[in-house]
Structure formats: C-alpha cells, structure tokens
Amino acid sequence: MNTTFQGSDGETRCYWCEATQEYIDYHDDEWGFPVSDDFHLFEKLSLESFQSGLSWRTILVKRENFRTAFDKFDFNIVADYAEKEVEHLLNDEGIVRHRGKIEATINNAKVAQKLVKEHGSLAAFLWQYEPKVQLSVDTEVASTSEESIALSKDLKKLGWKFLGPTTAYAFMQSVGMVNDHFVSCVTQSKVESARKSFKRPSAK
C-alpha cells in the first residue's frame, strides 16, 4: 500500500487525505499540531466520539454547525444543558443527531469541569498520556496504543462516555500527542517542529 501521494502542488502527503480537499486542508493545517486550549481539546474529544461509525469528512463539513450548536464547546455551558437543549439538538439538521452521543457530550462536559478543578486544566490531565517514546511512522499507522488504552480506561472510570481506545488514539493523533504523519509527508517535519517548541501543560 502506498503511504503517501503527490498533490497537485507537487508536495507529498499522507495517503488518507487524498480523497477530498477537506481532508487535505485538515491534514496540512491541523492534524498532529499540538493543542493546549481546554475548549478546543473538549471539541476534539467530542467530535471524535460523534465520528464513531461515520466518515471523518461528515464531521468536518458539519464542524462549524457543531460549534454553534454546542456553544463553541465551552464545557462550562454545555454541562448545564437540560432536556430542552437535547431536544433542540436532536432537531438540528446541521449536526449528527444521535441522542446517545449528544447526552454523552453533556455528561462529559461535567466530567471536564471536575478535571479542571482537580488538575488545573483539562489540558494538564490529557497531556499526561503523551507517549514517552515517539516512533517515526514509515509504513503503517497504529489504531490504538498503550497510552490510548490507559486514557480511555481512566476517563471511563471518571464517568466519561463514548470514548474507546481507538477513539482515544484518534484524538491523540489529532491534537499532537503523537506525530503520525509518514516520514515522507511534507507536514511531518512541520508537526515535529511544533511539538518540539510546544510547552506541555502542567498540573496545578
């Protein structure tokens, strides 16, 4: 299997983003670049859960609608959603209308608030799961890891819903906890540089 492809601009990119321009833009500008903002991290976790069973493109094209519907994923607001907000979301054609995932997002917002109180920030808690050893990706991208299994397990213990090891690993890839761009990909070195200069959040 080819791990990369050459785009119309002559640059080599990871094979998975070839299908659509949305994927290419996401790959070039976001995927793998480190994130420390709590609300952005909560958004990433939530959207990865909504994506389960669907294509990532479905989420990307609806992302702005999701942000509007969920108050920019401010978990301090989402945590106070009641049945009225759930019903409103279930009638919002701009998002994925899945009651279980919507209710899980509200539940998870409450857990996020607790994590902020205990660790100082959601980021400080999540970045503890960054692998100590980073592996270069030459031929195949993993779907889970020891760290993603631990993250999923620990969040579930805290009451987090809709986050298995595979979803947790996809989250870790997206926010830069791992650099899973293939070594021949034009973005790999950019992500690596961003990761080296990134200041890891620390617990209070």
N, C-alpha and C. Protein backbone atom coordinates (compact mmCIF):
# COMPACT_ATOMS: atom_id res chain seq x y z
N MET A 1 0.83 -1.20 0.00
CA MET A 1 0.00 0.00 0.00
C MET A 1 0.87 1.25 0.00
N ASN A 2 0.50 2.22 -0.85
CA ASN A 2 1.23 3.48 -0.86
C ASN A 2 0.91 4.25 0.41
N THR A 3 1.92 4.80 1.03
CA THR A 3 1.71 5.55 2.27
C THR A 3 1.51 7.04 2.02
N THR A 4 1.91 7.51 0.85
CA THR A 4 1.78 8.93 0.53
C THR A 4 1.32 9.10 -0.92
N PHE A 5 0.95 10.30 -1.27
CA PHE A 5 0.62 10.63 -2.65
C PHE A 5 1.16 12.03 -2.93
N GLN A 6 1.31 12.34 -4.19
CA GLN A 6 1.80 13.66 -4.57
C GLN A 6 0.62 14.53 -4.99
N GLY A 7 0.45 15.66 -4.31
CA GLY A 7 -0.66 16.54 -4.59
C GLY A 7 -0.43 17.38 -5.84
N SER A 8 -1.44 18.15 -6.22
CA SER A 8 -1.34 18.98 -7.41
C SER A 8 -0.28 20.07 -7.26
N ASP A 9 0.09 20.36 -6.01
CA ASP A 9 1.14 21.36 -5.75
C ASP A 9 2.53 20.73 -5.74
N GLY A 10 2.59 19.42 -6.01
CA GLY A 10 3.88 18.73 -6.06
C GLY A 10 4.36 18.22 -4.72
N GLU A 11 3.63 18.50 -3.63
CA GLU A 11 4.04 18.08 -2.30
C GLU A 11 3.51 16.67 -1.99
N THR A 12 4.29 15.94 -1.19
CA THR A 12 3.93 14.58 -0.80
C THR A 12 3.20 14.61 0.54
N ARG A 13 2.04 13.94 0.59
CA ARG A 13 1.22 13.94 1.79
C ARG A 13 0.79 12.52 2.15
N CYS A 14 0.33 12.34 3.38
CA CYS A 14 -0.20 11.05 3.83
C CYS A 14 -1.37 10.63 2.93
N TYR A 15 -1.39 9.35 2.59
CA TYR A 15 -2.35 8.83 1.61
C TYR A 15 -3.80 9.09 1.98
N TRP A 16 -4.12 9.10 3.28
CA TRP A 16 -5.52 9.13 3.70
C TRP A 16 -6.22 10.45 3.39
N CYS A 17 -5.45 11.50 3.11
CA CYS A 17 -6.10 12.80 2.87
C CYS A 17 -6.34 13.08 1.39
N GLU A 18 -6.00 12.12 0.54
CA GLU A 18 -6.11 12.36 -0.90
C GLU A 18 -7.55 12.51 -1.38
N ALA A 19 -8.49 11.89 -0.69
CA ALA A 19 -9.86 11.77 -1.19
C ALA A 19 -10.58 13.10 -1.40
N THR A 20 -10.42 14.05 -0.49
CA THR A 20 -11.17 15.30 -0.58
C THR A 20 -10.29 16.48 -0.18
N GLN A 21 -10.68 17.67 -0.64
CA GLN A 21 -9.96 18.89 -0.27
C GLN A 21 -10.10 19.16 1.23
N GLU A 22 -11.26 18.79 1.81
CA GLU A 22 -11.44 18.98 3.25
C GLU A 22 -10.39 18.21 4.03
N TYR A 23 -10.11 16.98 3.58
CA TYR A 23 -9.09 16.18 4.24
C TYR A 23 -7.71 16.81 4.09
N ILE A 24 -7.40 17.29 2.89
CA ILE A 24 -6.09 17.89 2.64
C ILE A 24 -5.89 19.11 3.53
N ASP A 25 -6.89 19.97 3.61
CA ASP A 25 -6.78 21.18 4.45
C ASP A 25 -6.60 20.80 5.91
N TYR A 26 -7.39 19.82 6.36
CA TYR A 26 -7.29 19.37 7.76
C TYR A 26 -5.92 18.78 8.02
N HIS A 27 -5.45 17.95 7.10
CA HIS A 27 -4.14 17.32 7.22
C HIS A 27 -3.02 18.36 7.28
N ASP A 28 -3.07 19.34 6.42
CA ASP A 28 -2.00 20.34 6.32
C ASP A 28 -1.98 21.32 7.48
N ASP A 29 -3.17 21.70 7.97
CA ASP A 29 -3.27 22.81 8.91
C ASP A 29 -3.53 22.41 10.35
N GLU A 30 -4.05 21.20 10.58
CA GLU A 30 -4.46 20.86 11.94
C GLU A 30 -3.91 19.53 12.46
N TRP A 31 -4.04 18.48 11.66
CA TRP A 31 -3.80 17.14 12.18
C TRP A 31 -2.37 16.95 12.67
N GLY A 32 -2.24 16.70 13.96
CA GLY A 32 -0.93 16.46 14.54
C GLY A 32 -0.28 17.66 15.19
N PHE A 33 -0.81 18.86 14.93
CA PHE A 33 -0.24 20.04 15.57
C PHE A 33 -0.75 20.11 17.01
N PRO A 34 0.13 20.34 17.97
CA PRO A 34 -0.26 20.27 19.39
C PRO A 34 -1.27 21.33 19.80
N VAL A 35 -2.20 20.90 20.66
CA VAL A 35 -3.29 21.74 21.15
C VAL A 35 -3.26 21.76 22.67
N SER A 36 -3.42 22.94 23.26
CA SER A 36 -3.45 23.04 24.71
C SER A 36 -4.70 23.75 25.24
N ASP A 37 -5.48 24.34 24.36
CA ASP A 37 -6.69 25.06 24.79
C ASP A 37 -7.76 24.06 25.25
N ASP A 38 -8.29 24.27 26.44
CA ASP A 38 -9.24 23.33 27.01
C ASP A 38 -10.49 23.13 26.16
N PHE A 39 -11.06 24.22 25.68
CA PHE A 39 -12.30 24.10 24.90
C PHE A 39 -12.03 23.42 23.56
N HIS A 40 -10.87 23.68 22.98
CA HIS A 40 -10.51 23.04 21.71
C HIS A 40 -10.30 21.53 21.94
N LEU A 41 -9.68 21.19 23.04
CA LEU A 41 -9.48 19.77 23.37
C LEU A 41 -10.82 19.07 23.60
N PHE A 42 -11.72 19.74 24.29
CA PHE A 42 -13.04 19.16 24.52
C PHE A 42 -13.78 19.00 23.20
N GLU A 43 -13.64 19.97 22.31
CA GLU A 43 -14.24 19.85 20.98
C GLU A 43 -13.69 18.63 20.25
N LYS A 44 -12.38 18.48 20.28
CA LYS A 44 -11.76 17.35 19.58
C LYS A 44 -12.25 16.02 20.14
N LEU A 45 -12.29 15.90 21.45
CA LEU A 45 -12.78 14.67 22.07
C LEU A 45 -14.23 14.40 21.68
N SER A 46 -15.04 15.44 21.71
CA SER A 46 -16.46 15.29 21.40
C SER A 46 -16.69 14.91 19.95
N LEU A 47 -15.99 15.57 19.04
CA LEU A 47 -16.18 15.29 17.62
C LEU A 47 -15.66 13.91 17.24
N GLU A 48 -14.57 13.48 17.87
CA GLU A 48 -14.08 12.13 17.61
C GLU A 48 -15.13 11.11 18.03
N SER A 49 -15.84 11.38 19.12
CA SER A 49 -16.89 10.47 19.57
C SER A 49 -18.08 10.51 18.61
N PHE A 50 -18.45 11.68 18.15
CA PHE A 50 -19.55 11.80 17.19
C PHE A 50 -19.20 11.09 15.88
N GLN A 51 -17.92 11.05 15.55
CA GLN A 51 -17.48 10.44 14.29
C GLN A 51 -17.62 8.93 14.29
N SER A 52 -17.64 8.32 15.45
CA SER A 52 -17.68 6.86 15.55
C SER A 52 -18.78 6.28 14.67
N GLY A 53 -18.39 5.42 13.73
CA GLY A 53 -19.34 4.81 12.82
C GLY A 53 -19.60 5.62 11.57
N LEU A 54 -18.99 6.79 11.47
CA LEU A 54 -19.18 7.66 10.32
C LEU A 54 -17.83 8.01 9.71
N SER A 55 -17.84 8.68 8.57
CA SER A 55 -16.59 9.15 7.98
C SER A 55 -16.19 10.46 8.66
N TRP A 56 -14.89 10.72 8.73
CA TRP A 56 -14.42 11.97 9.33
C TRP A 56 -14.86 13.18 8.49
N ARG A 57 -15.04 12.97 7.19
CA ARG A 57 -15.50 14.07 6.33
C ARG A 57 -16.89 14.56 6.77
N THR A 58 -17.73 13.63 7.19
CA THR A 58 -19.06 14.02 7.68
C THR A 58 -18.94 15.01 8.82
N ILE A 59 -17.98 14.77 9.71
CA ILE A 59 -17.78 15.67 10.85
C ILE A 59 -17.16 17.00 10.39
N LEU A 60 -16.19 16.93 9.51
CA LEU A 60 -15.53 18.15 9.06
C LEU A 60 -16.50 19.13 8.41
N VAL A 61 -17.39 18.62 7.56
CA VAL A 61 -18.31 19.51 6.86
C VAL A 61 -19.38 20.06 7.79
N LYS A 62 -19.58 19.40 8.93
CA LYS A 62 -20.58 19.86 9.89
C LYS A 62 -19.94 20.57 11.10
N ARG A 63 -18.63 20.72 11.09
CA ARG A 63 -17.94 21.19 12.30
C ARG A 63 -18.39 22.57 12.75
N GLU A 64 -18.55 23.50 11.84
CA GLU A 64 -19.00 24.84 12.24
C GLU A 64 -20.40 24.78 12.83
N ASN A 65 -21.24 23.91 12.29
CA ASN A 65 -22.58 23.75 12.85
C ASN A 65 -22.51 23.17 14.26
N PHE A 66 -21.62 22.22 14.46
CA PHE A 66 -21.40 21.65 15.79
C PHE A 66 -20.96 22.75 16.77
N ARG A 67 -20.03 23.59 16.34
CA ARG A 67 -19.52 24.64 17.22
C ARG A 67 -20.62 25.60 17.64
N THR A 68 -21.48 25.93 16.70
CA THR A 68 -22.61 26.81 17.01
C THR A 68 -23.59 26.11 17.94
N ALA A 69 -23.90 24.87 17.63
CA ALA A 69 -24.90 24.11 18.40
C ALA A 69 -24.45 23.87 19.83
N PHE A 70 -23.14 23.68 20.04
CA PHE A 70 -22.61 23.35 21.37
C PHE A 70 -21.85 24.52 22.00
N ASP A 71 -22.27 25.74 21.68
CA ASP A 71 -21.68 26.93 22.31
C ASP A 71 -20.16 26.91 22.28
N LYS A 72 -19.61 26.63 21.09
CA LYS A 72 -18.15 26.59 20.88
C LYS A 72 -17.46 25.59 21.80
N PHE A 73 -18.19 24.59 22.20
CA PHE A 73 -17.69 23.52 23.08
C PHE A 73 -17.11 24.05 24.39
N ASP A 74 -17.73 25.12 24.87
CA ASP A 74 -17.42 25.62 26.22
C ASP A 74 -18.10 24.65 27.19
N PHE A 75 -17.33 23.77 27.79
CA PHE A 75 -17.93 22.73 28.63
C PHE A 75 -18.61 23.29 29.87
N ASN A 76 -18.28 24.52 30.25
CA ASN A 76 -18.96 25.14 31.39
C ASN A 76 -20.41 25.50 31.04
N ILE A 77 -20.66 25.73 29.77
CA ILE A 77 -22.03 25.99 29.31
C ILE A 77 -22.73 24.67 29.00
N VAL A 78 -22.04 23.79 28.28
CA VAL A 78 -22.63 22.51 27.86
C VAL A 78 -23.04 21.67 29.07
N ALA A 79 -22.29 21.77 30.15
CA ALA A 79 -22.59 20.98 31.35
C ALA A 79 -23.97 21.30 31.92
N ASP A 80 -24.49 22.48 31.61
CA ASP A 80 -25.80 22.89 32.15
C ASP A 80 -26.95 22.62 31.19
N TYR A 81 -26.66 21.98 30.05
CA TYR A 81 -27.74 21.64 29.12
C TYR A 81 -28.73 20.70 29.79
N ALA A 82 -30.01 20.95 29.53
CA ALA A 82 -31.08 20.10 30.06
C ALA A 82 -31.83 19.45 28.90
N GLU A 83 -32.93 18.82 29.18
CA GLU A 83 -33.69 18.11 28.14
C GLU A 83 -34.13 19.05 27.03
N LYS A 84 -34.40 20.29 27.37
CA LYS A 84 -34.80 21.27 26.36
C LYS A 84 -33.70 21.43 25.31
N GLU A 85 -32.45 21.53 25.75
CA GLU A 85 -31.33 21.66 24.82
C GLU A 85 -31.11 20.37 24.03
N VAL A 86 -31.32 19.23 24.68
CA VAL A 86 -31.17 17.95 23.99
C VAL A 86 -32.17 17.86 22.85
N GLU A 87 -33.41 18.21 23.11
CA GLU A 87 -34.44 18.15 22.07
C GLU A 87 -34.13 19.12 20.93
N HIS A 88 -33.61 20.28 21.30
CA HIS A 88 -33.23 21.26 20.27
C HIS A 88 -32.12 20.69 19.39
N LEU A 89 -31.15 20.05 19.98
CA LEU A 89 -30.04 19.47 19.23
C LEU A 89 -30.51 18.31 18.35
N LEU A 90 -31.45 17.54 18.85
CA LEU A 90 -31.98 16.42 18.07
C LEU A 90 -32.74 16.89 16.83
N ASN A 91 -33.13 18.15 16.83
CA ASN A 91 -33.84 18.72 15.68
C ASN A 91 -32.93 19.58 14.80
N ASP A 92 -31.65 19.61 15.13
CA ASP A 92 -30.69 20.42 14.38
C ASP A 92 -30.09 19.59 13.25
N GLU A 93 -30.52 19.85 12.03
CA GLU A 93 -30.05 19.07 10.88
C GLU A 93 -28.58 19.33 10.55
N GLY A 94 -27.99 20.34 11.17
CA GLY A 94 -26.61 20.69 10.86
C GLY A 94 -25.59 19.84 11.58
N ILE A 95 -26.05 19.00 12.53
CA ILE A 95 -25.13 18.15 13.29
C ILE A 95 -25.53 16.69 13.13
N VAL A 96 -24.79 15.81 13.77
CA VAL A 96 -25.16 14.39 13.82
C VAL A 96 -26.17 14.22 14.95
N ARG A 97 -27.38 13.86 14.59
CA ARG A 97 -28.47 13.81 15.58
C ARG A 97 -28.58 12.42 16.20
N HIS A 98 -27.78 12.21 17.21
CA HIS A 98 -27.71 10.91 17.88
C HIS A 98 -27.86 11.19 19.38
N ARG A 99 -29.00 10.79 19.93
CA ARG A 99 -29.29 11.13 21.33
C ARG A 99 -28.18 10.66 22.27
N GLY A 100 -27.73 9.44 22.09
CA GLY A 100 -26.70 8.91 22.97
C GLY A 100 -25.44 9.75 22.97
N LYS A 101 -25.01 10.16 21.79
CA LYS A 101 -23.78 10.95 21.68
C LYS A 101 -23.99 12.38 22.20
N ILE A 102 -25.17 12.92 21.98
CA ILE A 102 -25.48 14.27 22.49
C ILE A 102 -25.49 14.25 24.02
N GLU A 103 -26.17 13.28 24.58
CA GLU A 103 -26.23 13.19 26.05
C GLU A 103 -24.86 12.88 26.63
N ALA A 104 -24.06 12.09 25.92
CA ALA A 104 -22.71 11.80 26.38
C ALA A 104 -21.87 13.07 26.41
N THR A 105 -22.03 13.94 25.42
CA THR A 105 -21.27 15.20 25.37
C THR A 105 -21.60 16.06 26.57
N ILE A 106 -22.88 16.11 26.94
CA ILE A 106 -23.29 16.89 28.11
C ILE A 106 -22.71 16.28 29.38
N ASN A 107 -22.81 14.97 29.49
CA ASN A 107 -22.21 14.26 30.62
C ASN A 107 -20.71 14.51 30.71
N ASN A 108 -20.04 14.44 29.55
CA ASN A 108 -18.59 14.60 29.52
C ASN A 108 -18.17 16.02 29.88
N ALA A 109 -19.03 16.98 29.59
CA ALA A 109 -18.73 18.37 29.97
C ALA A 109 -18.65 18.50 31.49
N LYS A 110 -19.51 17.78 32.17
CA LYS A 110 -19.48 17.80 33.65
C LYS A 110 -18.19 17.16 34.16
N VAL A 111 -17.77 16.07 33.52
CA VAL A 111 -16.52 15.42 33.91
C VAL A 111 -15.34 16.35 33.64
N ALA A 112 -15.38 17.07 32.52
CA ALA A 112 -14.32 18.02 32.19
C ALA A 112 -14.19 19.10 33.26
N GLN A 113 -15.31 19.57 33.76
CA GLN A 113 -15.27 20.57 34.83
C GLN A 113 -14.57 20.03 36.07
N LYS A 114 -14.85 18.78 36.40
CA LYS A 114 -14.20 18.16 37.56
C LYS A 114 -12.70 18.03 37.35
N LEU A 115 -12.31 17.69 36.13
CA LEU A 115 -10.89 17.53 35.83
C LEU A 115 -10.16 18.87 35.93
N VAL A 116 -10.82 19.94 35.54
CA VAL A 116 -10.21 21.27 35.66
C VAL A 116 -9.99 21.61 37.13
N LYS A 117 -10.96 21.30 37.97
CA LYS A 117 -10.82 21.57 39.40
C LYS A 117 -9.69 20.77 40.02
N GLU A 118 -9.53 19.52 39.56
CA GLU A 118 -8.54 18.64 40.16
C GLU A 118 -7.13 18.84 39.60
N HIS A 119 -7.03 19.20 38.33
CA HIS A 119 -5.72 19.26 37.67
C HIS A 119 -5.33 20.66 37.20
N GLY A 120 -6.21 21.62 37.35
CA GLY A 120 -5.90 22.97 36.91
C GLY A 120 -6.40 23.28 35.50
N SER A 121 -6.42 22.25 34.66
CA SER A 121 -6.93 22.40 33.30
C SER A 121 -7.21 21.01 32.73
N LEU A 122 -8.08 20.97 31.73
CA LEU A 122 -8.32 19.71 31.03
C LEU A 122 -7.05 19.28 30.31
N ALA A 123 -6.34 20.27 29.78
CA ALA A 123 -5.10 20.00 29.05
C ALA A 123 -4.07 19.31 29.92
N ALA A 124 -3.93 19.76 31.15
CA ALA A 124 -2.94 19.17 32.06
C ALA A 124 -3.24 17.69 32.30
N PHE A 125 -4.51 17.36 32.43
CA PHE A 125 -4.88 15.96 32.62
C PHE A 125 -4.59 15.15 31.36
N LEU A 126 -5.03 15.63 30.21
CA LEU A 126 -4.93 14.85 28.98
C LEU A 126 -3.49 14.65 28.51
N TRP A 127 -2.67 15.68 28.65
CA TRP A 127 -1.29 15.59 28.13
C TRP A 127 -0.40 14.68 28.96
N GLN A 128 -0.91 14.22 30.10
CA GLN A 128 -0.15 13.22 30.86
C GLN A 128 -0.02 11.91 30.08
N TYR A 129 -0.90 11.73 29.09
CA TYR A 129 -0.94 10.47 28.35
C TYR A 129 -0.11 10.52 27.06
N GLU A 130 0.62 11.59 26.88
CA GLU A 130 1.53 11.65 25.73
C GLU A 130 2.58 10.55 25.87
N PRO A 131 2.79 9.74 24.84
CA PRO A 131 3.80 8.68 24.94
C PRO A 131 5.18 9.23 25.24
N LYS A 132 5.90 8.54 26.10
CA LYS A 132 7.26 8.97 26.44
C LYS A 132 8.21 8.76 25.26
N VAL A 133 7.94 7.73 24.48
CA VAL A 133 8.76 7.43 23.31
C VAL A 133 7.94 7.65 22.05
N GLN A 134 8.43 8.49 21.15
CA GLN A 134 7.75 8.77 19.90
C GLN A 134 8.38 7.96 18.78
N LEU A 135 7.55 7.26 18.03
CA LEU A 135 8.05 6.43 16.94
C LEU A 135 7.76 7.09 15.60
N SER A 136 8.73 7.04 14.69
CA SER A 136 8.51 7.55 13.34
C SER A 136 7.65 6.55 12.57
N VAL A 137 6.75 7.07 11.76
CA VAL A 137 5.83 6.22 11.01
C VAL A 137 6.33 6.07 9.58
N ASP A 138 6.71 4.84 9.23
CA ASP A 138 7.24 4.58 7.89
C ASP A 138 6.23 3.89 6.97
N THR A 139 5.53 2.88 7.50
CA THR A 139 4.69 2.06 6.63
C THR A 139 3.25 1.90 7.09
N GLU A 140 3.00 2.01 8.37
CA GLU A 140 1.65 1.75 8.87
C GLU A 140 1.36 2.59 10.10
N VAL A 141 0.14 3.14 10.17
CA VAL A 141 -0.28 3.95 11.30
C VAL A 141 -1.07 3.08 12.27
N ALA A 142 -0.77 3.19 13.55
CA ALA A 142 -1.47 2.40 14.57
C ALA A 142 -2.91 2.89 14.74
N SER A 143 -3.74 2.05 15.34
CA SER A 143 -5.12 2.46 15.63
C SER A 143 -5.37 2.58 17.13
N THR A 144 -4.48 1.99 17.92
CA THR A 144 -4.53 2.14 19.38
C THR A 144 -3.09 2.12 19.89
N SER A 145 -2.95 2.41 21.17
CA SER A 145 -1.64 2.33 21.80
C SER A 145 -1.84 2.06 23.28
N GLU A 146 -0.77 1.75 23.95
CA GLU A 146 -0.84 1.53 25.40
C GLU A 146 -1.41 2.77 26.09
N GLU A 147 -1.00 3.95 25.60
CA GLU A 147 -1.44 5.21 26.21
C GLU A 147 -2.91 5.50 25.93
N SER A 148 -3.36 5.18 24.71
CA SER A 148 -4.77 5.45 24.39
C SER A 148 -5.69 4.51 25.17
N ILE A 149 -5.23 3.30 25.40
CA ILE A 149 -5.99 2.35 26.21
C ILE A 149 -6.10 2.87 27.64
N ALA A 150 -4.99 3.39 28.15
CA ALA A 150 -4.98 3.94 29.52
C ALA A 150 -5.86 5.17 29.62
N LEU A 151 -5.79 6.05 28.62
CA LEU A 151 -6.60 7.27 28.63
C LEU A 151 -8.08 6.92 28.61
N SER A 152 -8.46 6.01 27.73
CA SER A 152 -9.86 5.59 27.64
C SER A 152 -10.33 4.97 28.95
N LYS A 153 -9.52 4.11 29.49
CA LYS A 153 -9.87 3.41 30.73
C LYS A 153 -10.02 4.39 31.89
N ASP A 154 -9.08 5.31 32.02
CA ASP A 154 -9.11 6.26 33.14
C ASP A 154 -10.27 7.24 33.01
N LEU A 155 -10.56 7.69 31.79
CA LEU A 155 -11.69 8.60 31.61
C LEU A 155 -13.01 7.89 31.89
N LYS A 156 -13.12 6.64 31.49
CA LYS A 156 -14.33 5.88 31.77
C LYS A 156 -14.55 5.73 33.28
N LYS A 157 -13.46 5.52 34.01
CA LYS A 157 -13.57 5.42 35.47
C LYS A 157 -14.12 6.72 36.07
N LEU A 158 -13.81 7.82 35.42
CA LEU A 158 -14.27 9.12 35.89
C LEU A 158 -15.68 9.45 35.42
N GLY A 159 -16.24 8.57 34.58
CA GLY A 159 -17.61 8.77 34.12
C GLY A 159 -17.75 9.23 32.69
N TRP A 160 -16.62 9.36 31.97
CA TRP A 160 -16.65 9.80 30.57
C TRP A 160 -17.30 8.72 29.72
N LYS A 161 -18.09 9.14 28.72
CA LYS A 161 -18.79 8.19 27.87
C LYS A 161 -18.39 8.33 26.40
N PHE A 162 -18.59 7.25 25.66
CA PHE A 162 -18.34 7.21 24.21
C PHE A 162 -16.87 7.50 23.88
N LEU A 163 -15.96 6.84 24.57
CA LEU A 163 -14.54 7.03 24.26
C LEU A 163 -13.78 5.71 24.47
N GLY A 164 -13.69 4.91 23.43
CA GLY A 164 -12.91 3.70 23.49
C GLY A 164 -11.46 3.97 23.12
N PRO A 165 -10.59 2.96 23.20
CA PRO A 165 -9.17 3.13 22.90
C PRO A 165 -8.88 3.64 21.49
N THR A 166 -9.66 3.19 20.50
CA THR A 166 -9.43 3.64 19.12
C THR A 166 -9.78 5.11 18.97
N THR A 167 -10.91 5.51 19.54
CA THR A 167 -11.30 6.92 19.50
C THR A 167 -10.30 7.78 20.27
N ALA A 168 -9.83 7.27 21.40
CA ALA A 168 -8.84 8.00 22.19
C ALA A 168 -7.55 8.18 21.39
N TYR A 169 -7.16 7.15 20.64
CA TYR A 169 -5.93 7.28 19.85
C TYR A 169 -6.11 8.27 18.71
N ALA A 170 -7.28 8.26 18.07
CA ALA A 170 -7.55 9.23 17.01
C ALA A 170 -7.48 10.65 17.57
N PHE A 171 -7.96 10.83 18.79
CA PHE A 171 -7.87 12.12 19.46
C PHE A 171 -6.40 12.51 19.68
N MET A 172 -5.61 11.56 20.18
CA MET A 172 -4.20 11.83 20.44
C MET A 172 -3.45 12.21 19.17
N GLN A 173 -3.80 11.56 18.06
CA GLN A 173 -3.20 11.92 16.78
C GLN A 173 -3.57 13.34 16.38
N SER A 174 -4.83 13.67 16.56
CA SER A 174 -5.33 14.96 16.06
C SER A 174 -4.78 16.15 16.83
N VAL A 175 -4.48 15.97 18.14
CA VAL A 175 -4.03 17.10 18.95
C VAL A 175 -2.52 17.10 19.18
N GLY A 176 -1.80 16.25 18.46
CA GLY A 176 -0.35 16.31 18.51
C GLY A 176 0.34 15.55 19.61
N MET A 177 -0.37 14.68 20.31
CA MET A 177 0.30 13.88 21.33
C MET A 177 1.20 12.84 20.68
N VAL A 178 0.89 12.50 19.45
CA VAL A 178 1.77 11.67 18.62
C VAL A 178 1.86 12.32 17.25
N ASN A 179 2.95 12.11 16.57
CA ASN A 179 3.11 12.60 15.20
C ASN A 179 3.02 11.40 14.26
N ASP A 180 1.84 11.17 13.73
CA ASP A 180 1.62 10.01 12.88
C ASP A 180 1.60 10.34 11.39
N HIS A 181 2.17 11.49 11.04
CA HIS A 181 2.42 11.75 9.62
C HIS A 181 3.56 10.83 9.18
N PHE A 182 3.43 10.26 7.99
CA PHE A 182 4.52 9.43 7.47
C PHE A 182 5.77 10.28 7.29
N VAL A 183 6.92 9.66 7.45
CA VAL A 183 8.19 10.41 7.43
C VAL A 183 8.40 11.13 6.10
N SER A 184 7.82 10.62 5.02
CA SER A 184 7.98 11.25 3.71
C SER A 184 6.94 12.34 3.44
N CYS A 185 6.04 12.55 4.38
CA CYS A 185 4.98 13.55 4.24
C CYS A 185 5.54 14.95 4.49
N VAL A 186 5.11 15.92 3.70
CA VAL A 186 5.61 17.29 3.81
C VAL A 186 5.28 17.91 5.18
N THR A 187 4.21 17.44 5.81
CA THR A 187 3.78 18.03 7.08
C THR A 187 4.47 17.40 8.28
N GLN A 188 5.11 16.26 8.09
CA GLN A 188 5.71 15.55 9.23
C GLN A 188 6.71 16.43 9.98
N SER A 189 7.60 17.06 9.26
CA SER A 189 8.64 17.87 9.91
C SER A 189 8.05 19.14 10.53
N LYS A 190 6.98 19.66 9.94
CA LYS A 190 6.33 20.85 10.50
C LYS A 190 5.69 20.51 11.84
N VAL A 191 5.05 19.36 11.89
CA VAL A 191 4.43 18.92 13.15
C VAL A 191 5.51 18.63 14.19
N GLU A 192 6.59 18.00 13.76
CA GLU A 192 7.66 17.69 14.70
C GLU A 192 8.27 18.95 15.28
N SER A 193 8.44 19.95 14.45
CA SER A 193 8.96 21.24 14.92
C SER A 193 8.00 21.89 15.91
N ALA A 194 6.70 21.82 15.61
CA ALA A 194 5.70 22.40 16.50
C ALA A 194 5.67 21.66 17.84
N ARG A 195 5.83 20.36 17.78
CA ARG A 195 5.85 19.56 19.02
C ARG A 195 7.08 19.88 19.88
N LYS A 196 8.21 20.12 19.24
CA LYS A 196 9.43 20.42 19.99
C LYS A 196 9.34 21.76 20.72
N SER A 197 8.65 22.71 20.12
CA SER A 197 8.54 24.04 20.73
C SER A 197 7.32 24.18 21.63
N PHE A 198 6.48 23.16 21.63
CA PHE A 198 5.23 23.21 22.40
C PHE A 198 5.50 23.08 23.89
N LYS A 199 4.90 23.97 24.67
CA LYS A 199 5.04 23.92 26.12
C LYS A 199 3.93 23.02 26.69
N ARG A 200 4.33 21.88 27.22
CA ARG A 200 3.33 20.94 27.75
C ARG A 200 2.63 21.53 28.97
N PRO A 201 1.30 21.39 29.02
CA PRO A 201 0.56 21.88 30.20
C PRO A 201 0.94 21.06 31.42
N SER A 202 1.02 21.71 32.54
CA SER A 202 1.37 21.01 33.77
C SER A 202 0.23 21.14 34.77
N ALA A 203 0.09 20.12 35.62
CA ALA A 203 -0.97 20.12 36.63
C ALA A 203 -0.66 21.14 37.69
N LYS A 204 -1.72 21.61 38.34
CA LYS A 204 -1.52 22.62 39.39
C LYS A 204 -0.88 21.97 40.62
